[in-house]
Amino acid sequence: MDDATRTELEAAAFRRLRQHLMQDRPDVQNIDLMNMAGFCRNCLSRWYQEAAAERGIEMGKEDAREIFYGMPYDQWKAQSQADATPEQQAAFQKAFKENVTDKG
């Protein structure tokens, strides 16, 4: 497989993942994704921002989130996310440290 085709397939898989998380399963909470998988929608938007930066494209965190979420993050959060339980918050602290803080 040539590099261009591989890149196209990877981009298609990313778009399908985004569709799954944003349209098919918006009920799945970001905190649950982070706690179980070590990443969430915010991570995906951050990785998008990082990929842009690697190519010399300036993009702020909120800009990347709006691109990924298709709307301002606060708007999406208000309509799609529930308040986290104390148990979810405790698990998140551990997951965030292991998967985000210690990675950089």
PDB file of N, CA and C in Angstrom:
ATOM      1  N   MET A   1       0.857  -1.177   0.000  1.00  0.00           N
ATOM      2  CA  MET A   1       0.000   0.000   0.000  1.00  0.00           C
ATOM      3  C   MET A   1       0.901   1.238   0.000  1.00  0.00           C
ATOM      4  N   ASP A   2       0.569   2.187  -0.832  1.00  0.00           N
ATOM      5  CA  ASP A   2       1.382   3.404  -0.884  1.00  0.00           C
ATOM      6  C   ASP A   2       0.999   4.349   0.260  1.00  0.00           C
ATOM      7  N   ASP A   3       1.876   5.290   0.560  1.00  0.00           N
ATOM      8  CA  ASP A   3       1.684   6.202   1.690  1.00  0.00           C
ATOM      9  C   ASP A   3       0.420   7.048   1.558  1.00  0.00           C
ATOM     10  N   ALA A   4       0.113   7.511   0.359  1.00  0.00           N
ATOM     11  CA  ALA A   4      -1.077   8.345   0.166  1.00  0.00           C
ATOM     12  C   ALA A   4      -2.353   7.554   0.483  1.00  0.00           C
ATOM     13  N   THR A   5      -2.414   6.322   0.040  1.00  0.00           N
ATOM     14  CA  THR A   5      -3.589   5.486   0.318  1.00  0.00           C
ATOM     15  C   THR A   5      -3.693   5.191   1.805  1.00  0.00           C
ATOM     16  N   ARG A   6      -2.564   4.872   2.437  1.00  0.00           N
ATOM     17  CA  ARG A   6      -2.559   4.622   3.879  1.00  0.00           C
ATOM     18  C   ARG A   6      -3.063   5.841   4.633  1.00  0.00           C
ATOM     19  N   THR A   7      -2.605   7.027   4.250  1.00  0.00           N
ATOM     20  CA  THR A   7      -3.049   8.266   4.902  1.00  0.00           C
ATOM     21  C   THR A   7      -4.541   8.483   4.704  1.00  0.00           C
ATOM     22  N   GLU A   8      -5.043   8.208   3.511  1.00  0.00           N
ATOM     23  CA  GLU A   8      -6.479   8.348   3.244  1.00  0.00           C
ATOM     24  C   GLU A   8      -7.292   7.389   4.113  1.00  0.00           C
ATOM     25  N   LEU A   9      -6.828   6.156   4.242  1.00  0.00           N
ATOM     26  CA  LEU A   9      -7.530   5.173   5.063  1.00  0.00           C
ATOM     27  C   LEU A   9      -7.489   5.556   6.536  1.00  0.00           C
ATOM     28  N   GLU A  10      -6.343   6.022   7.002  1.00  0.00           N
ATOM     29  CA  GLU A  10      -6.239   6.469   8.396  1.00  0.00           C
ATOM     30  C   GLU A  10      -7.170   7.657   8.653  1.00  0.00           C
ATOM     31  N   ALA A  11      -7.235   8.587   7.722  1.00  0.00           N
ATOM     32  CA  ALA A  11      -8.132   9.739   7.871  1.00  0.00           C
ATOM     33  C   ALA A  11      -9.589   9.288   7.883  1.00  0.00           C
ATOM     34  N   ALA A  12      -9.934   8.324   7.039  1.00  0.00           N
ATOM     35  CA  ALA A  12     -11.306   7.811   7.017  1.00  0.00           C
ATOM     36  C   ALA A  12     -11.643   7.126   8.337  1.00  0.00           C
ATOM     37  N   ALA A  13     -10.703   6.371   8.894  1.00  0.00           N
ATOM     38  CA  ALA A  13     -10.936   5.711  10.182  1.00  0.00           C
ATOM     39  C   ALA A  13     -11.116   6.745  11.289  1.00  0.00           C
ATOM     40  N   PHE A  14     -10.323   7.815  11.262  1.00  0.00           N
ATOM     41  CA  PHE A  14     -10.476   8.886  12.252  1.00  0.00           C
ATOM     42  C   PHE A  14     -11.853   9.545  12.129  1.00  0.00           C
ATOM     43  N   ARG A  15     -12.272   9.830  10.904  1.00  0.00           N
ATOM     44  CA  ARG A  15     -13.597  10.440  10.717  1.00  0.00           C
ATOM     45  C   ARG A  15     -14.702   9.523  11.225  1.00  0.00           C
ATOM     46  N   ARG A  16     -14.547   8.217  11.023  1.00  0.00           N
ATOM     47  CA  ARG A  16     -15.554   7.270  11.503  1.00  0.00           C
ATOM     48  C   ARG A  16     -15.551   7.184  13.023  1.00  0.00           C
ATOM     49  N   LEU A  17     -14.377   7.232  13.631  1.00  0.00           N
ATOM     50  CA  LEU A  17     -14.291   7.264  15.093  1.00  0.00           C
ATOM     51  C   LEU A  17     -14.971   8.517  15.625  1.00  0.00           C
ATOM     52  N   ARG A  18     -14.704   9.654  15.006  1.00  0.00           N
ATOM     53  CA  ARG A  18     -15.336  10.900  15.422  1.00  0.00           C
ATOM     54  C   ARG A  18     -16.859  10.797  15.301  1.00  0.00           C
ATOM     55  N   GLN A  19     -17.341  10.257  14.185  1.00  0.00           N
ATOM     56  CA  GLN A  19     -18.784  10.084  14.010  1.00  0.00           C
ATOM     57  C   GLN A  19     -19.362   9.182  15.090  1.00  0.00           C
ATOM     58  N   HIS A  20     -18.663   8.112  15.387  1.00  0.00           N
ATOM     59  CA  HIS A  20     -19.142   7.180  16.404  1.00  0.00           C
ATOM     60  C   HIS A  20     -19.264   7.876  17.758  1.00  0.00           C
ATOM     61  N   LEU A  21     -18.241   8.631  18.136  1.00  0.00           N
ATOM     62  CA  LEU A  21     -18.251   9.296  19.436  1.00  0.00           C
ATOM     63  C   LEU A  21     -19.209  10.480  19.506  1.00  0.00           C
ATOM     64  N   MET A  22     -19.370  11.189  18.397  1.00  0.00           N
ATOM     65  CA  MET A  22     -20.167  12.416  18.417  1.00  0.00           C
ATOM     66  C   MET A  22     -21.631  12.187  18.038  1.00  0.00           C
ATOM     67  N   GLN A  23     -21.899  11.248  17.147  1.00  0.00           N
ATOM     68  CA  GLN A  23     -23.266  11.056  16.667  1.00  0.00           C
ATOM     69  C   GLN A  23     -23.882   9.744  17.161  1.00  0.00           C
ATOM     70  N   ASP A  24     -23.126   8.667  17.038  1.00  0.00           N
ATOM     71  CA  ASP A  24     -23.682   7.366  17.405  1.00  0.00           C
ATOM     72  C   ASP A  24     -23.736   7.160  18.917  1.00  0.00           C
ATOM     73  N   ARG A  25     -22.733   7.662  19.653  1.00  0.00           N
ATOM     74  CA  ARG A  25     -22.645   7.426  21.092  1.00  0.00           C
ATOM     75  C   ARG A  25     -22.308   8.693  21.886  1.00  0.00           C
ATOM     76  N   PRO A  26     -23.065   9.772  21.693  1.00  0.00           N
ATOM     77  CA  PRO A  26     -22.791  10.970  22.493  1.00  0.00           C
ATOM     78  C   PRO A  26     -23.099  10.758  23.973  1.00  0.00           C
ATOM     79  N   ASP A  27     -23.826   9.678  24.285  1.00  0.00           N
ATOM     80  CA  ASP A  27     -24.161   9.365  25.675  1.00  0.00           C
ATOM     81  C   ASP A  27     -22.952   8.876  26.475  1.00  0.00           C
ATOM     82  N   VAL A  28     -21.943   8.386  25.794  1.00  0.00           N
ATOM     83  CA  VAL A  28     -20.742   7.927  26.492  1.00  0.00           C
ATOM     84  C   VAL A  28     -19.992   9.161  26.994  1.00  0.00           C
ATOM     85  N   GLN A  29     -19.798   9.207  28.280  1.00  0.00           N
ATOM     86  CA  GLN A  29     -19.186  10.369  28.911  1.00  0.00           C
ATOM     87  C   GLN A  29     -17.677  10.384  28.677  1.00  0.00           C
ATOM     88  N   ASN A  30     -17.126  11.590  28.497  1.00  0.00           N
ATOM     89  CA  ASN A  30     -15.682  11.723  28.328  1.00  0.00           C
ATOM     90  C   ASN A  30     -14.926  11.103  29.499  1.00  0.00           C
ATOM     91  N   ILE A  31     -15.418  11.317  30.696  1.00  0.00           N
ATOM     92  CA  ILE A  31     -14.707  10.800  31.868  1.00  0.00           C
ATOM     93  C   ILE A  31     -14.674   9.271  31.848  1.00  0.00           C
ATOM     94  N   ASP A  32     -15.732   8.632  31.364  1.00  0.00           N
ATOM     95  CA  ASP A  32     -15.743   7.176  31.264  1.00  0.00           C
ATOM     96  C   ASP A  32     -14.760   6.693  30.196  1.00  0.00           C
ATOM     97  N   LEU A  33     -14.694   7.416  29.070  1.00  0.00           N
ATOM     98  CA  LEU A  33     -13.710   7.067  28.043  1.00  0.00           C
ATOM     99  C   LEU A  33     -12.295   7.141  28.611  1.00  0.00           C
ATOM    100  N   MET A  34     -12.006   8.227  29.313  1.00  0.00           N
ATOM    101  CA  MET A  34     -10.671   8.405  29.875  1.00  0.00           C
ATOM    102  C   MET A  34     -10.373   7.318  30.908  1.00  0.00           C
ATOM    103  N   ASN A  35     -11.341   7.046  31.758  1.00  0.00           N
ATOM    104  CA  ASN A  35     -11.112   6.069  32.817  1.00  0.00           C
ATOM    105  C   ASN A  35     -10.923   4.658  32.273  1.00  0.00           C
ATOM    106  N   MET A  36     -11.622   4.328  31.195  1.00  0.00           N
ATOM    107  CA  MET A  36     -11.549   2.968  30.666  1.00  0.00           C
ATOM    108  C   MET A  36     -10.496   2.808  29.568  1.00  0.00           C
ATOM    109  N   ALA A  37     -10.340   3.838  28.728  1.00  0.00           N
ATOM    110  CA  ALA A  37      -9.480   3.691  27.558  1.00  0.00           C
ATOM    111  C   ALA A  37      -8.217   4.550  27.607  1.00  0.00           C
ATOM    112  N   GLY A  38      -8.173   5.494  28.547  1.00  0.00           N
ATOM    113  CA  GLY A  38      -6.994   6.334  28.639  1.00  0.00           C
ATOM    114  C   GLY A  38      -6.985   7.502  27.667  1.00  0.00           C
ATOM    115  N   PHE A  39      -8.102   7.731  26.989  1.00  0.00           N
ATOM    116  CA  PHE A  39      -8.245   8.898  26.120  1.00  0.00           C
ATOM    117  C   PHE A  39      -9.726   9.236  26.027  1.00  0.00           C
ATOM    118  N   CYS A  40     -10.010  10.464  25.578  1.00  0.00           N
ATOM    119  CA  CYS A  40     -11.401  10.886  25.398  1.00  0.00           C
ATOM    120  C   CYS A  40     -11.470  11.830  24.203  1.00  0.00           C
ATOM    121  N   ARG A  41     -12.616  12.406  23.995  1.00  0.00           N
ATOM    122  CA  ARG A  41     -12.801  13.335  22.892  1.00  0.00           C
ATOM    123  C   ARG A  41     -11.846  14.518  22.991  1.00  0.00           C
ATOM    124  N   ASN A  42     -11.614  15.004  24.215  1.00  0.00           N
ATOM    125  CA  ASN A  42     -10.678  16.121  24.385  1.00  0.00           C
ATOM    126  C   ASN A  42      -9.269  15.728  23.972  1.00  0.00           C
ATOM    127  N   CYS A  43      -8.878  14.493  24.255  1.00  0.00           N
ATOM    128  CA  CYS A  43      -7.565  14.017  23.817  1.00  0.00           C
ATOM    129  C   CYS A  43      -7.485  14.034  22.291  1.00  0.00           C
ATOM    130  N   LEU A  44      -8.536  13.565  21.645  1.00  0.00           N
ATOM    131  CA  LEU A  44      -8.543  13.559  20.179  1.00  0.00           C
ATOM    132  C   LEU A  44      -8.421  14.966  19.626  1.00  0.00           C
ATOM    133  N   SER A  45      -9.103  15.933  20.243  1.00  0.00           N
ATOM    134  CA  SER A  45      -8.978  17.312  19.761  1.00  0.00           C
ATOM    135  C   SER A  45      -7.574  17.849  20.032  1.00  0.00           C
ATOM    136  N   ARG A  46      -6.962  17.451  21.154  1.00  0.00           N
ATOM    137  CA  ARG A  46      -5.591  17.875  21.455  1.00  0.00           C
ATOM    138  C   ARG A  46      -4.617  17.266  20.457  1.00  0.00           C
ATOM    139  N   TRP A  47      -4.803  16.003  20.108  1.00  0.00           N
ATOM    140  CA  TRP A  47      -3.930  15.365  19.122  1.00  0.00           C
ATOM    141  C   TRP A  47      -4.080  16.047  17.764  1.00  0.00           C
ATOM    142  N   TYR A  48      -5.288  16.486  17.442  1.00  0.00           N
ATOM    143  CA  TYR A  48      -5.530  17.237  16.203  1.00  0.00           C
ATOM    144  C   TYR A  48      -4.728  18.533  16.243  1.00  0.00           C
ATOM    145  N   GLN A  49      -4.797  19.235  17.378  1.00  0.00           N
ATOM    146  CA  GLN A  49      -4.061  20.486  17.558  1.00  0.00           C
ATOM    147  C   GLN A  49      -2.554  20.245  17.438  1.00  0.00           C
ATOM    148  N   GLU A  50      -2.065  19.186  18.050  1.00  0.00           N
ATOM    149  CA  GLU A  50      -0.645  18.855  17.981  1.00  0.00           C
ATOM    150  C   GLU A  50      -0.214  18.539  16.557  1.00  0.00           C
ATOM    151  N   ALA A  51      -1.042  17.832  15.805  1.00  0.00           N
ATOM    152  CA  ALA A  51      -0.729  17.520  14.412  1.00  0.00           C
ATOM    153  C   ALA A  51      -0.665  18.798  13.584  1.00  0.00           C
ATOM    154  N   ALA A  52      -1.563  19.729  13.867  1.00  0.00           N
ATOM    155  CA  ALA A  52      -1.533  21.023  13.166  1.00  0.00           C
ATOM    156  C   ALA A  52      -0.229  21.758  13.488  1.00  0.00           C
ATOM    157  N   ALA A  53       0.145  21.785  14.761  1.00  0.00           N
ATOM    158  CA  ALA A  53       1.365  22.478  15.172  1.00  0.00           C
ATOM    159  C   ALA A  53       2.597  21.871  14.491  1.00  0.00           C
ATOM    160  N   GLU A  54       2.620  20.549  14.351  1.00  0.00           N
ATOM    161  CA  GLU A  54       3.743  19.884  13.674  1.00  0.00           C
ATOM    162  C   GLU A  54       3.874  20.333  12.228  1.00  0.00           C
ATOM    163  N   ARG A  55       2.791  20.836  11.665  1.00  0.00           N
ATOM    164  CA  ARG A  55       2.797  21.302  10.281  1.00  0.00           C
ATOM    165  C   ARG A  55       2.845  22.823  10.189  1.00  0.00           C
ATOM    166  N   GLY A  56       3.137  23.469  11.324  1.00  0.00           N
ATOM    167  CA  GLY A  56       3.272  24.925  11.339  1.00  0.00           C
ATOM    168  C   GLY A  56       1.953  25.668  11.331  1.00  0.00           C
ATOM    169  N   ILE A  57       0.867  25.000  11.672  1.00  0.00           N
ATOM    170  CA  ILE A  57      -0.456  25.623  11.691  1.00  0.00           C
ATOM    171  C   ILE A  57      -0.785  25.991  13.128  1.00  0.00           C
ATOM    172  N   GLU A  58      -0.968  27.277  13.383  1.00  0.00           N
ATOM    173  CA  GLU A  58      -1.332  27.716  14.727  1.00  0.00           C
ATOM    174  C   GLU A  58      -2.800  27.418  14.980  1.00  0.00           C
ATOM    175  N   MET A  59      -3.054  26.788  16.124  1.00  0.00           N
ATOM    176  CA  MET A  59      -4.426  26.441  16.479  1.00  0.00           C
ATOM    177  C   MET A  59      -4.487  26.363  18.000  1.00  0.00           C
ATOM    178  N   GLY A  60      -5.373  27.124  18.587  1.00  0.00           N
ATOM    179  CA  GLY A  60      -5.544  27.080  20.028  1.00  0.00           C
ATOM    180  C   GLY A  60      -6.360  25.872  20.451  1.00  0.00           C
ATOM    181  N   LYS A  61      -6.327  25.598  21.761  1.00  0.00           N
ATOM    182  CA  LYS A  61      -7.062  24.455  22.312  1.00  0.00           C
ATOM    183  C   LYS A  61      -8.552  24.558  22.013  1.00  0.00           C
ATOM    184  N   GLU A  62      -9.125  25.724  22.230  1.00  0.00           N
ATOM    185  CA  GLU A  62     -10.566  25.889  21.990  1.00  0.00           C
ATOM    186  C   GLU A  62     -10.900  25.769  20.506  1.00  0.00           C
ATOM    187  N   ASP A  63     -10.012  26.257  19.633  1.00  0.00           N
ATOM    188  CA  ASP A  63     -10.226  26.106  18.187  1.00  0.00           C
ATOM    189  C   ASP A  63     -10.249  24.627  17.801  1.00  0.00           C
ATOM    190  N   ALA A  64      -9.291  23.867  18.326  1.00  0.00           N
ATOM    191  CA  ALA A  64      -9.234  22.432  18.012  1.00  0.00           C
ATOM    192  C   ALA A  64     -10.466  21.715  18.539  1.00  0.00           C
ATOM    193  N   ARG A  65     -10.886  22.083  19.743  1.00  0.00           N
ATOM    194  CA  ARG A  65     -12.090  21.453  20.299  1.00  0.00           C
ATOM    195  C   ARG A  65     -13.313  21.774  19.456  1.00  0.00           C
ATOM    196  N   GLU A  66     -13.433  23.015  19.013  1.00  0.00           N
ATOM    197  CA  GLU A  66     -14.602  23.375  18.204  1.00  0.00           C
ATOM    198  C   GLU A  66     -14.599  22.622  16.877  1.00  0.00           C
ATOM    199  N   ILE A  67     -13.432  22.421  16.297  1.00  0.00           N
ATOM    200  CA  ILE A  67     -13.344  21.631  15.064  1.00  0.00           C
ATOM    201  C   ILE A  67     -13.789  20.202  15.340  1.00  0.00           C
ATOM    202  N   PHE A  68     -13.288  19.601  16.414  1.00  0.00           N
ATOM    203  CA  PHE A  68     -13.630  18.213  16.708  1.00  0.00           C
ATOM    204  C   PHE A  68     -15.097  18.069  17.101  1.00  0.00           C
ATOM    205  N   TYR A  69     -15.571  18.928  18.005  1.00  0.00           N
ATOM    206  CA  TYR A  69     -16.942  18.806  18.518  1.00  0.00           C
ATOM    207  C   TYR A  69     -17.988  19.356  17.545  1.00  0.00           C
ATOM    208  N   GLY A  70     -17.571  20.173  16.596  1.00  0.00           N
ATOM    209  CA  GLY A  70     -18.521  20.758  15.655  1.00  0.00           C
ATOM    210  C   GLY A  70     -19.307  21.913  16.247  1.00  0.00           C
ATOM    211  N   MET A  71     -18.888  22.380  17.400  1.00  0.00           N
ATOM    212  CA  MET A  71     -19.526  23.492  18.109  1.00  0.00           C
ATOM    213  C   MET A  71     -18.588  23.872  19.249  1.00  0.00           C
ATOM    214  N   PRO A  72     -18.816  25.015  19.876  1.00  0.00           N
ATOM    215  CA  PRO A  72     -17.985  25.326  21.044  1.00  0.00           C
ATOM    216  C   PRO A  72     -18.099  24.222  22.091  1.00  0.00           C
ATOM    217  N   TYR A  73     -16.964  23.885  22.700  1.00  0.00           N
ATOM    218  CA  TYR A  73     -16.913  22.784  23.656  1.00  0.00           C
ATOM    219  C   TYR A  73     -17.907  22.977  24.793  1.00  0.00           C
ATOM    220  N   ASP A  74     -17.983  24.185  25.349  1.00  0.00           N
ATOM    221  CA  ASP A  74     -18.901  24.420  26.461  1.00  0.00           C
ATOM    222  C   ASP A  74     -20.348  24.119  26.079  1.00  0.00           C
ATOM    223  N   GLN A  75     -20.714  24.431  24.841  1.00  0.00           N
ATOM    224  CA  GLN A  75     -22.070  24.134  24.362  1.00  0.00           C
ATOM    225  C   GLN A  75     -22.285  22.622  24.294  1.00  0.00           C
ATOM    226  N   TRP A  76     -21.323  21.904  23.715  1.00  0.00           N
ATOM    227  CA  TRP A  76     -21.455  20.451  23.622  1.00  0.00           C
ATOM    228  C   TRP A  76     -21.495  19.826  25.018  1.00  0.00           C
ATOM    229  N   LYS A  77     -20.633  20.296  25.898  1.00  0.00           N
ATOM    230  CA  LYS A  77     -20.570  19.761  27.252  1.00  0.00           C
ATOM    231  C   LYS A  77     -21.905  19.950  27.972  1.00  0.00           C
ATOM    232  N   ALA A  78     -22.508  21.137  27.817  1.00  0.00           N
ATOM    233  CA  ALA A  78     -23.778  21.418  28.485  1.00  0.00           C
ATOM    234  C   ALA A  78     -24.902  20.506  27.983  1.00  0.00           C
ATOM    235  N   GLN A  79     -24.865  20.150  26.715  1.00  0.00           N
ATOM    236  CA  GLN A  79     -25.955  19.328  26.174  1.00  0.00           C
ATOM    237  C   GLN A  79     -25.673  17.835  26.224  1.00  0.00           C
ATOM    238  N   SER A  80     -24.426  17.429  26.439  1.00  0.00           N
ATOM    239  CA  SER A  80     -24.103  16.009  26.312  1.00  0.00           C
ATOM    240  C   SER A  80     -23.445  15.362  27.517  1.00  0.00           C
ATOM    241  N   GLN A  81     -22.911  16.120  28.434  1.00  0.00           N
ATOM    242  CA  GLN A  81     -22.155  15.531  29.532  1.00  0.00           C
ATOM    243  C   GLN A  81     -22.869  15.726  30.865  1.00  0.00           C
ATOM    244  N   ALA A  82     -22.849  14.701  31.676  1.00  0.00           N
ATOM    245  CA  ALA A  82     -23.435  14.758  33.015  1.00  0.00           C
ATOM    246  C   ALA A  82     -22.331  15.071  34.021  1.00  0.00           C
ATOM    247  N   ASP A  83     -22.717  15.507  35.200  1.00  0.00           N
ATOM    248  CA  ASP A  83     -21.744  15.727  36.263  1.00  0.00           C
ATOM    249  C   ASP A  83     -21.116  14.393  36.656  1.00  0.00           C
ATOM    250  N   ALA A  84     -19.838  14.420  36.875  1.00  0.00           N
ATOM    251  CA  ALA A  84     -19.113  13.207  37.253  1.00  0.00           C
ATOM    252  C   ALA A  84     -19.362  12.873  38.720  1.00  0.00           C
ATOM    253  N   THR A  85     -19.434  11.594  38.993  1.00  0.00           N
ATOM    254  CA  THR A  85     -19.566  11.129  40.378  1.00  0.00           C
ATOM    255  C   THR A  85     -18.207  11.236  41.066  1.00  0.00           C
ATOM    256  N   PRO A  86     -18.186  11.205  42.385  1.00  0.00           N
ATOM    257  CA  PRO A  86     -16.893  11.198  43.082  1.00  0.00           C
ATOM    258  C   PRO A  86     -16.007  10.014  42.670  1.00  0.00           C
ATOM    259  N   GLU A  87     -16.611   8.862  42.431  1.00  0.00           N
ATOM    260  CA  GLU A  87     -15.849   7.687  42.000  1.00  0.00           C
ATOM    261  C   GLU A  87     -15.236   7.911  40.614  1.00  0.00           C
ATOM    262  N   GLN A  88     -16.009   8.495  39.693  1.00  0.00           N
ATOM    263  CA  GLN A  88     -15.485   8.795  38.357  1.00  0.00           C
ATOM    264  C   GLN A  88     -14.343   9.801  38.453  1.00  0.00           C
ATOM    265  N   GLN A  89     -14.506  10.809  39.291  1.00  0.00           N
ATOM    266  CA  GLN A  89     -13.465  11.828  39.437  1.00  0.00           C
ATOM    267  C   GLN A  89     -12.173  11.233  39.991  1.00  0.00           C
ATOM    268  N   ALA A  90     -12.287  10.340  40.963  1.00  0.00           N
ATOM    269  CA  ALA A  90     -11.098   9.704  41.530  1.00  0.00           C
ATOM    270  C   ALA A  90     -10.392   8.844  40.479  1.00  0.00           C
ATOM    271  N   ALA A  91     -11.154   8.074  39.726  1.00  0.00           N
ATOM    272  CA  ALA A  91     -10.569   7.245  38.670  1.00  0.00           C
ATOM    273  C   ALA A  91      -9.940   8.122  37.592  1.00  0.00           C
ATOM    274  N   PHE A  92     -10.570   9.261  37.308  1.00  0.00           N
ATOM    275  CA  PHE A  92     -10.042  10.176  36.301  1.00  0.00           C
ATOM    276  C   PHE A  92      -8.686  10.731  36.717  1.00  0.00           C
ATOM    277  N   GLN A  93      -8.530  11.093  37.974  1.00  0.00           N
ATOM    278  CA  GLN A  93      -7.247  11.638  38.440  1.00  0.00           C
ATOM    279  C   GLN A  93      -6.117  10.648  38.139  1.00  0.00           C
ATOM    280  N   LYS A  94      -6.369   9.384  38.404  1.00  0.00           N
ATOM    281  CA  LYS A  94      -5.374   8.342  38.137  1.00  0.00           C
ATOM    282  C   LYS A  94      -5.146   8.188  36.627  1.00  0.00           C
ATOM    283  N   ALA A  95      -6.228   8.094  35.853  1.00  0.00           N
ATOM    284  CA  ALA A  95      -6.111   7.910  34.404  1.00  0.00           C
ATOM    285  C   ALA A  95      -5.420   9.102  33.753  1.00  0.00           C
ATOM    286  N   PHE A  96      -5.754  10.307  34.170  1.00  0.00           N
ATOM    287  CA  PHE A  96      -5.158  11.510  33.590  1.00  0.00           C
ATOM    288  C   PHE A  96      -3.649  11.520  33.869  1.00  0.00           C
ATOM    289  N   LYS A  97      -3.268  11.197  35.090  1.00  0.00           N
ATOM    290  CA  LYS A  97      -1.852  11.168  35.437  1.00  0.00           C
ATOM    291  C   LYS A  97      -1.114  10.136  34.590  1.00  0.00           C
ATOM    292  N   GLU A  98      -1.692   8.966  34.449  1.00  0.00           N
ATOM    293  CA  GLU A  98      -1.034   7.877  33.701  1.00  0.00           C
ATOM    294  C   GLU A  98      -0.993   8.124  32.202  1.00  0.00           C
ATOM    295  N   ASN A  99      -2.049   8.745  31.657  1.00  0.00           N
ATOM    296  CA  ASN A  99      -2.190   8.816  30.205  1.00  0.00           C
ATOM    297  C   ASN A  99      -1.920  10.184  29.595  1.00  0.00           C
ATOM    298  N   VAL A 100      -1.934  11.220  30.409  1.00  0.00           N
ATOM    299  CA  VAL A 100      -1.709  12.560  29.867  1.00  0.00           C
ATOM    300  C   VAL A 100      -0.507  13.212  30.531  1.00  0.00           C
ATOM    301  N   THR A 101      -0.538  13.368  31.841  1.00  0.00           N
ATOM    302  CA  THR A 101       0.518  14.089  32.543  1.00  0.00           C
ATOM    303  C   THR A 101       1.873  13.433  32.369  1.00  0.00           C
ATOM    304  N   ASP A 102       1.949  12.126  32.536  1.00  0.00           N
ATOM    305  CA  ASP A 102       3.231  11.421  32.464  1.00  0.00           C
ATOM    306  C   ASP A 102       3.719  11.212  31.028  1.00  0.00           C
ATOM    307  N   LYS A 103       2.902  11.532  30.035  1.00  0.00           N
ATOM    308  CA  LYS A 103       3.279  11.305  28.640  1.00  0.00           C
ATOM    309  C   LYS A 103       4.121  12.430  28.065  1.00  0.00           C
ATOM    310  N   GLY A 104       4.017  13.615  28.629  1.00  0.00           N
ATOM    311  CA  GLY A 104       4.677  14.750  28.017  1.00  0.00           C
ATOM    312  C   GLY A 104       5.971  15.032  28.608  1.00  0.00           C
TER     313      GLY A 104
END
